[in-house]
All heavy atoms as atom14 arrays in JSON, in Angstrom:
{
  "sequence": "FVMPRRESLFRMGTSLGGIALASMLAEDSRGQESDAGPMQ",
  "atom14_mask": [
    [1, 1, 1, 1, 1, 1, 1, 1, 1, 1, 1, 0, 0, 0],
    [1, 1, 1, 1, 1, 1, 1, 0, 0, 0, 0, 0, 0, 0],
    [1, 1, 1, 1, 1, 1, 1, 1, 0, 0, 0, 0, 0, 0],
    [1, 1, 1, 1, 1, 1, 1, 0, 0, 0, 0, 0, 0, 0],
    [1, 1, 1, 1, 1, 1, 1, 1, 1, 1, 1, 0, 0, 0],
    [1, 1, 1, 1, 1, 1, 1, 1, 1, 1, 1, 0, 0, 0],
    [1, 1, 1, 1, 1, 1, 1, 1, 1, 0, 0, 0, 0, 0],
    [1, 1, 1, 1, 1, 1, 0, 0, 0, 0, 0, 0, 0, 0],
    [1, 1, 1, 1, 1, 1, 1, 1, 0, 0, 0, 0, 0, 0],
    [1, 1, 1, 1, 1, 1, 1, 1, 1, 1, 1, 0, 0, 0],
    [1, 1, 1, 1, 1, 1, 1, 1, 1, 1, 1, 0, 0, 0],
    [1, 1, 1, 1, 1, 1, 1, 1, 0, 0, 0, 0, 0, 0],
    [1, 1, 1, 1, 0, 0, 0, 0, 0, 0, 0, 0, 0, 0],
    [1, 1, 1, 1, 1, 1, 1, 0, 0, 0, 0, 0, 0, 0],
    [1, 1, 1, 1, 1, 1, 0, 0, 0, 0, 0, 0, 0, 0],
    [1, 1, 1, 1, 1, 1, 1, 1, 0, 0, 0, 0, 0, 0],
    [1, 1, 1, 1, 0, 0, 0, 0, 0, 0, 0, 0, 0, 0],
    [1, 1, 1, 1, 0, 0, 0, 0, 0, 0, 0, 0, 0, 0],
    [1, 1, 1, 1, 1, 1, 1, 1, 0, 0, 0, 0, 0, 0],
    [1, 1, 1, 1, 1, 0, 0, 0, 0, 0, 0, 0, 0, 0],
    [1, 1, 1, 1, 1, 1, 1, 1, 0, 0, 0, 0, 0, 0],
    [1, 1, 1, 1, 1, 0, 0, 0, 0, 0, 0, 0, 0, 0],
    [1, 1, 1, 1, 1, 1, 0, 0, 0, 0, 0, 0, 0, 0],
    [1, 1, 1, 1, 1, 1, 1, 1, 0, 0, 0, 0, 0, 0],
    [1, 1, 1, 1, 1, 1, 1, 1, 0, 0, 0, 0, 0, 0],
    [1, 1, 1, 1, 1, 0, 0, 0, 0, 0, 0, 0, 0, 0],
    [1, 1, 1, 1, 1, 1, 1, 1, 1, 0, 0, 0, 0, 0],
    [1, 1, 1, 1, 1, 1, 1, 1, 0, 0, 0, 0, 0, 0],
    [1, 1, 1, 1, 1, 1, 0, 0, 0, 0, 0, 0, 0, 0],
    [1, 1, 1, 1, 1, 1, 1, 1, 1, 1, 1, 0, 0, 0],
    [1, 1, 1, 1, 0, 0, 0, 0, 0, 0, 0, 0, 0, 0],
    [1, 1, 1, 1, 1, 1, 1, 1, 1, 0, 0, 0, 0, 0],
    [1, 1, 1, 1, 1, 1, 1, 1, 1, 0, 0, 0, 0, 0],
    [1, 1, 1, 1, 1, 1, 0, 0, 0, 0, 0, 0, 0, 0],
    [1, 1, 1, 1, 1, 1, 1, 1, 0, 0, 0, 0, 0, 0],
    [1, 1, 1, 1, 1, 0, 0, 0, 0, 0, 0, 0, 0, 0],
    [1, 1, 1, 1, 0, 0, 0, 0, 0, 0, 0, 0, 0, 0],
    [1, 1, 1, 1, 1, 1, 1, 0, 0, 0, 0, 0, 0, 0],
    [1, 1, 1, 1, 1, 1, 1, 1, 0, 0, 0, 0, 0, 0],
    [1, 1, 1, 1, 1, 1, 1, 1, 1, 0, 0, 0, 0, 0]
  ],
  "atom14_positions": [
    [[-16.61, -18.85, 16.14], [-15.92, -17.74, 15.48], [-16.93, -17.01, 14.59], [-17.58, -17.63, 13.75], [-14.76, -18.28, 14.64], [-14.11, -17.21, 13.79], [-13.34, -16.22, 14.37], [-14.3, -17.22, 12.42], [-12.76, -15.24, 13.6], [-13.71, -16.23, 11.64], [-12.93, -15.26, 12.22], [0.0, 0.0, 0.0], [0.0, 0.0, 0.0], [0.0, 0.0, 0.0]],
    [[-17.06, -15.72, 14.81], [-17.95, -14.89, 14.01], [-17.1, -14.0, 13.1], [-16.32, -13.18, 13.59], [-18.86, -14.02, 14.89], [-19.77, -13.16, 14.01], [-19.69, -14.89, 15.82], [0.0, 0.0, 0.0], [0.0, 0.0, 0.0], [0.0, 0.0, 0.0], [0.0, 0.0, 0.0], [0.0, 0.0, 0.0], [0.0, 0.0, 0.0], [0.0, 0.0, 0.0]],
    [[-17.21, -14.23, 11.81], [-16.42, -13.45, 10.84], [-17.0, -12.06, 10.71], [-18.19, -11.9, 10.53], [-16.44, -14.14, 9.48], [-15.57, -13.44, 8.43], [-15.7, -14.24, 6.8], [-14.99, -15.84, 7.18], [0.0, 0.0, 0.0], [0.0, 0.0, 0.0], [0.0, 0.0, 0.0], [0.0, 0.0, 0.0], [0.0, 0.0, 0.0], [0.0, 0.0, 0.0]],
    [[-16.17, -11.02, 10.81], [-16.67, -9.64, 10.62], [-17.33, -9.49, 9.27], [-16.91, -10.12, 8.29], [-15.41, -8.79, 10.74], [-14.44, -9.64, 11.49], [-14.74, -11.05, 11.12], [0.0, 0.0, 0.0], [0.0, 0.0, 0.0], [0.0, 0.0, 0.0], [0.0, 0.0, 0.0], [0.0, 0.0, 0.0], [0.0, 0.0, 0.0], [0.0, 0.0, 0.0]],
    [[-18.35, -8.64, 9.22], [-19.12, -8.44, 7.98], [-18.22, -7.98, 6.83], [-18.33, -8.44, 5.7], [-20.24, -7.42, 8.22], [-21.09, -7.12, 7.0], [-22.25, -6.22, 7.42], [-23.05, -5.86, 6.26], [-22.82, -4.77, 5.52], [-21.8, -3.97, 5.81], [-23.6, -4.5, 4.49], [0.0, 0.0, 0.0], [0.0, 0.0, 0.0], [0.0, 0.0, 0.0]],
    [[-17.29, -7.05, 7.13], [-16.43, -6.5, 6.07], [-15.57, -7.61, 5.46], [-15.4, -7.7, 4.25], [-15.56, -5.39, 6.64], [-14.65, -4.75, 5.6], [-13.92, -3.55, 6.19], [-14.84, -2.51, 6.56], [-14.49, -1.36, 7.14], [-13.21, -1.14, 7.41], [-15.39, -0.44, 7.43], [0.0, 0.0, 0.0], [0.0, 0.0, 0.0], [0.0, 0.0, 0.0]],
    [[-14.99, -8.48, 6.34], [-14.15, -9.56, 5.83], [-14.97, -10.57, 5.04], [-14.53, -11.1, 4.03], [-13.43, -10.25, 7.0], [-12.45, -11.34, 6.51], [-11.68, -11.98, 7.64], [-11.75, -11.45, 8.77], [-11.03, -13.0, 7.41], [0.0, 0.0, 0.0], [0.0, 0.0, 0.0], [0.0, 0.0, 0.0], [0.0, 0.0, 0.0], [0.0, 0.0, 0.0]],
    [[-16.21, -10.81, 5.53], [-17.09, -11.75, 4.82], [-17.36, -11.26, 3.41], [-17.3, -12.03, 2.44], [-18.4, -11.89, 5.59], [-19.32, -12.67, 4.86], [0.0, 0.0, 0.0], [0.0, 0.0, 0.0], [0.0, 0.0, 0.0], [0.0, 0.0, 0.0], [0.0, 0.0, 0.0], [0.0, 0.0, 0.0], [0.0, 0.0, 0.0], [0.0, 0.0, 0.0]],
    [[-17.68, -9.99, 3.29], [-17.93, -9.42, 1.95], [-16.69, -9.46, 1.09], [-16.75, -9.73, -0.11], [-18.45, -7.99, 2.09], [-19.85, -7.84, 2.65], [-20.15, -6.37, 2.93], [-20.88, -8.41, 1.69], [0.0, 0.0, 0.0], [0.0, 0.0, 0.0], [0.0, 0.0, 0.0], [0.0, 0.0, 0.0], [0.0, 0.0, 0.0], [0.0, 0.0, 0.0]],
    [[-15.49, -9.23, 1.72], [-14.26, -9.25, 0.94], [-14.01, -10.65, 0.39], [-13.66, -10.83, -0.78], [-13.08, -8.81, 1.82], [-11.74, -8.97, 1.15], [-11.31, -8.05, 0.21], [-10.93, -10.06, 1.45], [-10.09, -8.2, -0.44], [-9.71, -10.21, 0.81], [-9.29, -9.29, -0.12], [0.0, 0.0, 0.0], [0.0, 0.0, 0.0], [0.0, 0.0, 0.0]],
    [[-14.18, -11.67, 1.25], [-13.94, -13.04, 0.81], [-14.92, -13.44, -0.29], [-14.55, -14.1, -1.25], [-14.04, -14.0, 1.99], [-12.9, -13.83, 2.99], [-12.9, -14.95, 4.02], [-11.82, -14.77, 4.98], [-11.53, -15.68, 5.9], [-12.23, -16.81, 6.0], [-10.54, -15.45, 6.75], [0.0, 0.0, 0.0], [0.0, 0.0, 0.0], [0.0, 0.0, 0.0]],
    [[-16.17, -13.04, -0.14], [-17.16, -13.36, -1.16], [-16.79, -12.69, -2.48], [-16.94, -13.24, -3.56], [-18.57, -12.94, -0.72], [-19.65, -13.35, -1.7], [-21.3, -12.96, -1.12], [-21.3, -11.2, -1.34], [0.0, 0.0, 0.0], [0.0, 0.0, 0.0], [0.0, 0.0, 0.0], [0.0, 0.0, 0.0], [0.0, 0.0, 0.0], [0.0, 0.0, 0.0]],
    [[-16.26, -11.45, -2.36], [-15.9, -10.71, -3.56], [-14.74, -11.31, -4.3], [-14.57, -11.07, -5.51], [0.0, 0.0, 0.0], [0.0, 0.0, 0.0], [0.0, 0.0, 0.0], [0.0, 0.0, 0.0], [0.0, 0.0, 0.0], [0.0, 0.0, 0.0], [0.0, 0.0, 0.0], [0.0, 0.0, 0.0], [0.0, 0.0, 0.0], [0.0, 0.0, 0.0]],
    [[-13.88, -12.1, -3.62], [-12.74, -12.72, -4.3], [-13.02, -14.16, -4.67], [-12.13, -14.87, -5.13], [-11.51, -12.66, -3.38], [-11.83, -13.3, -2.13], [-11.1, -11.22, -3.11], [0.0, 0.0, 0.0], [0.0, 0.0, 0.0], [0.0, 0.0, 0.0], [0.0, 0.0, 0.0], [0.0, 0.0, 0.0], [0.0, 0.0, 0.0], [0.0, 0.0, 0.0]],
    [[-14.27, -14.59, -4.5], [-14.64, -15.97, -4.83], [-15.4, -16.02, -6.13], [-15.74, -15.0, -6.71], [-15.51, -16.54, -3.7], [-16.77, -15.86, -3.7], [0.0, 0.0, 0.0], [0.0, 0.0, 0.0], [0.0, 0.0, 0.0], [0.0, 0.0, 0.0], [0.0, 0.0, 0.0], [0.0, 0.0, 0.0], [0.0, 0.0, 0.0], [0.0, 0.0, 0.0]],
    [[-15.68, -17.25, -6.57], [-16.48, -17.43, -7.79], [-17.87, -16.85, -7.59], [-18.43, -16.24, -8.5], [-16.57, -18.93, -8.12], [-17.29, -19.28, -9.42], [-16.55, -18.69, -10.6], [-17.38, -20.8, -9.56], [0.0, 0.0, 0.0], [0.0, 0.0, 0.0], [0.0, 0.0, 0.0], [0.0, 0.0, 0.0], [0.0, 0.0, 0.0], [0.0, 0.0, 0.0]],
    [[-18.41, -17.01, -6.36], [-19.71, -16.41, -6.07], [-19.67, -14.9, -6.19], [-20.62, -14.27, -6.64], [0.0, 0.0, 0.0], [0.0, 0.0, 0.0], [0.0, 0.0, 0.0], [0.0, 0.0, 0.0], [0.0, 0.0, 0.0], [0.0, 0.0, 0.0], [0.0, 0.0, 0.0], [0.0, 0.0, 0.0], [0.0, 0.0, 0.0], [0.0, 0.0, 0.0]],
    [[-18.54, -14.31, -5.79], [-18.41, -12.87, -5.93], [-18.39, -12.43, -7.37], [-18.95, -11.39, -7.74], [0.0, 0.0, 0.0], [0.0, 0.0, 0.0], [0.0, 0.0, 0.0], [0.0, 0.0, 0.0], [0.0, 0.0, 0.0], [0.0, 0.0, 0.0], [0.0, 0.0, 0.0], [0.0, 0.0, 0.0], [0.0, 0.0, 0.0], [0.0, 0.0, 0.0]],
    [[-17.73, -13.22, -8.23], [-17.7, -12.89, -9.66], [-19.11, -12.94, -10.22], [-19.53, -12.08, -11.0], [-16.77, -13.88, -10.41], [-15.33, -13.67, -9.92], [-16.87, -13.66, -11.91], [-14.35, -14.7, -10.46], [0.0, 0.0, 0.0], [0.0, 0.0, 0.0], [0.0, 0.0, 0.0], [0.0, 0.0, 0.0], [0.0, 0.0, 0.0], [0.0, 0.0, 0.0]],
    [[-19.87, -13.97, -9.83], [-21.26, -14.09, -10.3], [-22.09, -12.91, -9.82], [-22.9, -12.34, -10.56], [-21.87, -15.4, -9.82], [0.0, 0.0, 0.0], [0.0, 0.0, 0.0], [0.0, 0.0, 0.0], [0.0, 0.0, 0.0], [0.0, 0.0, 0.0], [0.0, 0.0, 0.0], [0.0, 0.0, 0.0], [0.0, 0.0, 0.0], [0.0, 0.0, 0.0]],
    [[-21.88, -12.52, -8.54], [-22.62, -11.39, -7.99], [-22.29, -10.11, -8.74], [-23.17, -9.32, -9.11], [-22.32, -11.23, -6.51], [-22.98, -10.04, -5.79], [-24.49, -10.17, -5.84], [-22.48, -9.93, -4.36], [0.0, 0.0, 0.0], [0.0, 0.0, 0.0], [0.0, 0.0, 0.0], [0.0, 0.0, 0.0], [0.0, 0.0, 0.0], [0.0, 0.0, 0.0]],
    [[-21.0, -9.9, -9.01], [-20.58, -8.7, -9.74], [-21.19, -8.68, -11.13], [-21.62, -7.63, -11.62], [-19.07, -8.65, -9.82], [0.0, 0.0, 0.0], [0.0, 0.0, 0.0], [0.0, 0.0, 0.0], [0.0, 0.0, 0.0], [0.0, 0.0, 0.0], [0.0, 0.0, 0.0], [0.0, 0.0, 0.0], [0.0, 0.0, 0.0], [0.0, 0.0, 0.0]],
    [[-21.23, -9.85, -11.76], [-21.83, -9.94, -13.1], [-23.3, -9.59, -13.05], [-23.82, -8.87, -13.9], [-21.63, -11.34, -13.65], [-22.33, -11.5, -14.86], [0.0, 0.0, 0.0], [0.0, 0.0, 0.0], [0.0, 0.0, 0.0], [0.0, 0.0, 0.0], [0.0, 0.0, 0.0], [0.0, 0.0, 0.0], [0.0, 0.0, 0.0], [0.0, 0.0, 0.0]],
    [[-23.98, -10.1, -11.99], [-25.39, -9.82, -11.83], [-25.64, -8.34, -11.63], [-26.53, -7.74, -12.23], [-25.92, -10.59, -10.62], [-27.3, -11.18, -10.79], [-27.65, -12.37, -9.48], [-27.47, -11.39, -8.03], [0.0, 0.0, 0.0], [0.0, 0.0, 0.0], [0.0, 0.0, 0.0], [0.0, 0.0, 0.0], [0.0, 0.0, 0.0], [0.0, 0.0, 0.0]],
    [[-24.82, -7.72, -10.77], [-24.98, -6.29, -10.5], [-24.7, -5.47, -11.75], [-25.39, -4.5, -12.04], [-24.03, -5.87, -9.37], [-24.4, -6.37, -7.98], [-23.26, -6.11, -7.0], [-25.68, -5.74, -7.49], [0.0, 0.0, 0.0], [0.0, 0.0, 0.0], [0.0, 0.0, 0.0], [0.0, 0.0, 0.0], [0.0, 0.0, 0.0], [0.0, 0.0, 0.0]],
    [[-23.68, -5.87, -12.51], [-23.35, -5.14, -13.73], [-24.48, -5.25, -14.74], [-24.85, -4.27, -15.4], [-22.06, -5.67, -14.33], [0.0, 0.0, 0.0], [0.0, 0.0, 0.0], [0.0, 0.0, 0.0], [0.0, 0.0, 0.0], [0.0, 0.0, 0.0], [0.0, 0.0, 0.0], [0.0, 0.0, 0.0], [0.0, 0.0, 0.0], [0.0, 0.0, 0.0]],
    [[-25.07, -6.46, -14.84], [-26.17, -6.66, -15.78], [-27.37, -5.81, -15.39], [-28.12, -5.33, -16.25], [-26.57, -8.14, -15.82], [-27.68, -8.45, -16.8], [-28.03, -9.92, -16.82], [-27.25, -10.72, -16.27], [-29.07, -10.27, -17.38], [0.0, 0.0, 0.0], [0.0, 0.0, 0.0], [0.0, 0.0, 0.0], [0.0, 0.0, 0.0], [0.0, 0.0, 0.0]],
    [[-27.54, -5.58, -14.07], [-28.71, -4.85, -13.61], [-28.47, -3.36, -13.44], [-29.36, -2.63, -13.03], [-29.18, -5.43, -12.27], [-30.61, -5.01, -11.95], [-31.51, -5.61, -12.51], [-30.78, -4.09, -11.15], [0.0, 0.0, 0.0], [0.0, 0.0, 0.0], [0.0, 0.0, 0.0], [0.0, 0.0, 0.0], [0.0, 0.0, 0.0], [0.0, 0.0, 0.0]],
    [[-27.27, -2.9, -13.77], [-26.95, -1.51, -13.48], [-27.41, -0.53, -14.53], [-27.16, 0.65, -14.41], [-25.43, -1.38, -13.3], [-24.78, -1.64, -14.53], [0.0, 0.0, 0.0], [0.0, 0.0, 0.0], [0.0, 0.0, 0.0], [0.0, 0.0, 0.0], [0.0, 0.0, 0.0], [0.0, 0.0, 0.0], [0.0, 0.0, 0.0], [0.0, 0.0, 0.0]],
    [[-28.07, -1.0, -15.6], [-28.49, -0.08, -16.65], [-29.41, 0.98, -16.08], [-30.19, 0.76, -15.2], [-29.21, -0.82, -17.78], [-30.59, -1.29, -17.39], [-31.42, -1.79, -18.51], [-31.16, -1.22, -19.79], [-31.63, -0.07, -20.23], [-32.38, 0.67, -19.46], [-31.34, 0.35, -21.43], [0.0, 0.0, 0.0], [0.0, 0.0, 0.0], [0.0, 0.0, 0.0]],
    [[-29.27, 2.2, -16.59], [-30.1, 3.28, -16.12], [-29.52, 4.03, -14.94], [-29.92, 5.14, -14.65], [0.0, 0.0, 0.0], [0.0, 0.0, 0.0], [0.0, 0.0, 0.0], [0.0, 0.0, 0.0], [0.0, 0.0, 0.0], [0.0, 0.0, 0.0], [0.0, 0.0, 0.0], [0.0, 0.0, 0.0], [0.0, 0.0, 0.0], [0.0, 0.0, 0.0]],
    [[-28.54, 3.44, -14.26], [-27.95, 4.17, -13.15], [-26.89, 5.13, -13.68], [-26.55, 5.16, -14.85], [-27.33, 3.17, -12.15], [-28.39, 2.27, -11.52], [-27.83, 1.48, -10.37], [-27.27, 2.03, -9.45], [-27.99, 0.18, -10.41], [0.0, 0.0, 0.0], [0.0, 0.0, 0.0], [0.0, 0.0, 0.0], [0.0, 0.0, 0.0], [0.0, 0.0, 0.0]],
    [[-26.29, 5.9, -12.77], [-25.33, 6.92, -13.14], [-24.17, 6.3, -13.91], [-23.7, 5.22, -13.61], [-24.79, 7.62, -11.89], [-25.88, 8.23, -11.03], [-26.41, 7.28, -10.0], [-26.44, 6.06, -10.24], [-26.79, 7.76, -8.93], [0.0, 0.0, 0.0], [0.0, 0.0, 0.0], [0.0, 0.0, 0.0], [0.0, 0.0, 0.0], [0.0, 0.0, 0.0]],
    [[-23.69, 7.01, -14.9], [-22.54, 6.56, -15.67], [-21.67, 7.77, -15.99], [-22.02, 8.91, -15.72], [-23.0, 5.88, -16.97], [-23.58, 6.83, -17.81], [0.0, 0.0, 0.0], [0.0, 0.0, 0.0], [0.0, 0.0, 0.0], [0.0, 0.0, 0.0], [0.0, 0.0, 0.0], [0.0, 0.0, 0.0], [0.0, 0.0, 0.0], [0.0, 0.0, 0.0]],
    [[-20.51, 7.51, -16.58], [-19.61, 8.6, -16.94], [-20.26, 9.55, -17.93], [-19.92, 10.71, -18.01], [-18.32, 8.04, -17.53], [-17.52, 7.27, -16.48], [-17.72, 7.54, -15.28], [-16.7, 6.43, -16.87], [0.0, 0.0, 0.0], [0.0, 0.0, 0.0], [0.0, 0.0, 0.0], [0.0, 0.0, 0.0], [0.0, 0.0, 0.0], [0.0, 0.0, 0.0]],
    [[-21.23, 9.03, -18.71], [-21.9, 9.87, -19.71], [-22.96, 10.76, -19.09], [-23.5, 11.62, -19.75], [-22.53, 8.97, -20.78], [0.0, 0.0, 0.0], [0.0, 0.0, 0.0], [0.0, 0.0, 0.0], [0.0, 0.0, 0.0], [0.0, 0.0, 0.0], [0.0, 0.0, 0.0], [0.0, 0.0, 0.0], [0.0, 0.0, 0.0], [0.0, 0.0, 0.0]],
    [[-23.25, 10.55, -17.8], [-24.28, 11.36, -17.16], [-25.55, 10.56, -16.96], [-25.93, 9.75, -17.81], [0.0, 0.0, 0.0], [0.0, 0.0, 0.0], [0.0, 0.0, 0.0], [0.0, 0.0, 0.0], [0.0, 0.0, 0.0], [0.0, 0.0, 0.0], [0.0, 0.0, 0.0], [0.0, 0.0, 0.0], [0.0, 0.0, 0.0], [0.0, 0.0, 0.0]],
    [[-26.22, 10.77, -15.84], [-27.39, 9.93, -15.49], [-28.58, 10.11, -16.41], [-29.42, 9.23, -16.49], [-27.71, 10.38, -14.07], [-27.17, 11.77, -13.99], [-25.94, 11.78, -14.82], [0.0, 0.0, 0.0], [0.0, 0.0, 0.0], [0.0, 0.0, 0.0], [0.0, 0.0, 0.0], [0.0, 0.0, 0.0], [0.0, 0.0, 0.0], [0.0, 0.0, 0.0]],
    [[-28.69, 11.26, -17.09], [-29.87, 11.51, -17.9], [-29.61, 11.39, -19.4], [-30.44, 11.71, -20.21], [-30.45, 12.89, -17.58], [-30.97, 13.02, -16.16], [-32.23, 11.81, -15.74], [-33.58, 12.42, -16.75], [0.0, 0.0, 0.0], [0.0, 0.0, 0.0], [0.0, 0.0, 0.0], [0.0, 0.0, 0.0], [0.0, 0.0, 0.0], [0.0, 0.0, 0.0]],
    [[-28.42, 10.92, -19.77], [-28.15, 10.7, -21.19], [-29.04, 9.58, -21.72], [-29.42, 8.66, -20.99], [-26.67, 10.31, -21.39], [-25.69, 11.43, -21.13], [-25.72, 12.51, -22.19], [-26.14, 12.26, -23.3], [-25.28, 13.71, -21.83], [0.0, 0.0, 0.0], [0.0, 0.0, 0.0], [0.0, 0.0, 0.0], [0.0, 0.0, 0.0], [0.0, 0.0, 0.0]]
  ]
}
């Protein structure tokens, strides 16, 4: 059984690993576009 990529990402996103990944991405997102504008 080969799990589709989209479903794999969805399952990872609802797991503890997904929470850790989201935290990692949020921690590394400084400097990217934000509601205040990318060059603020």
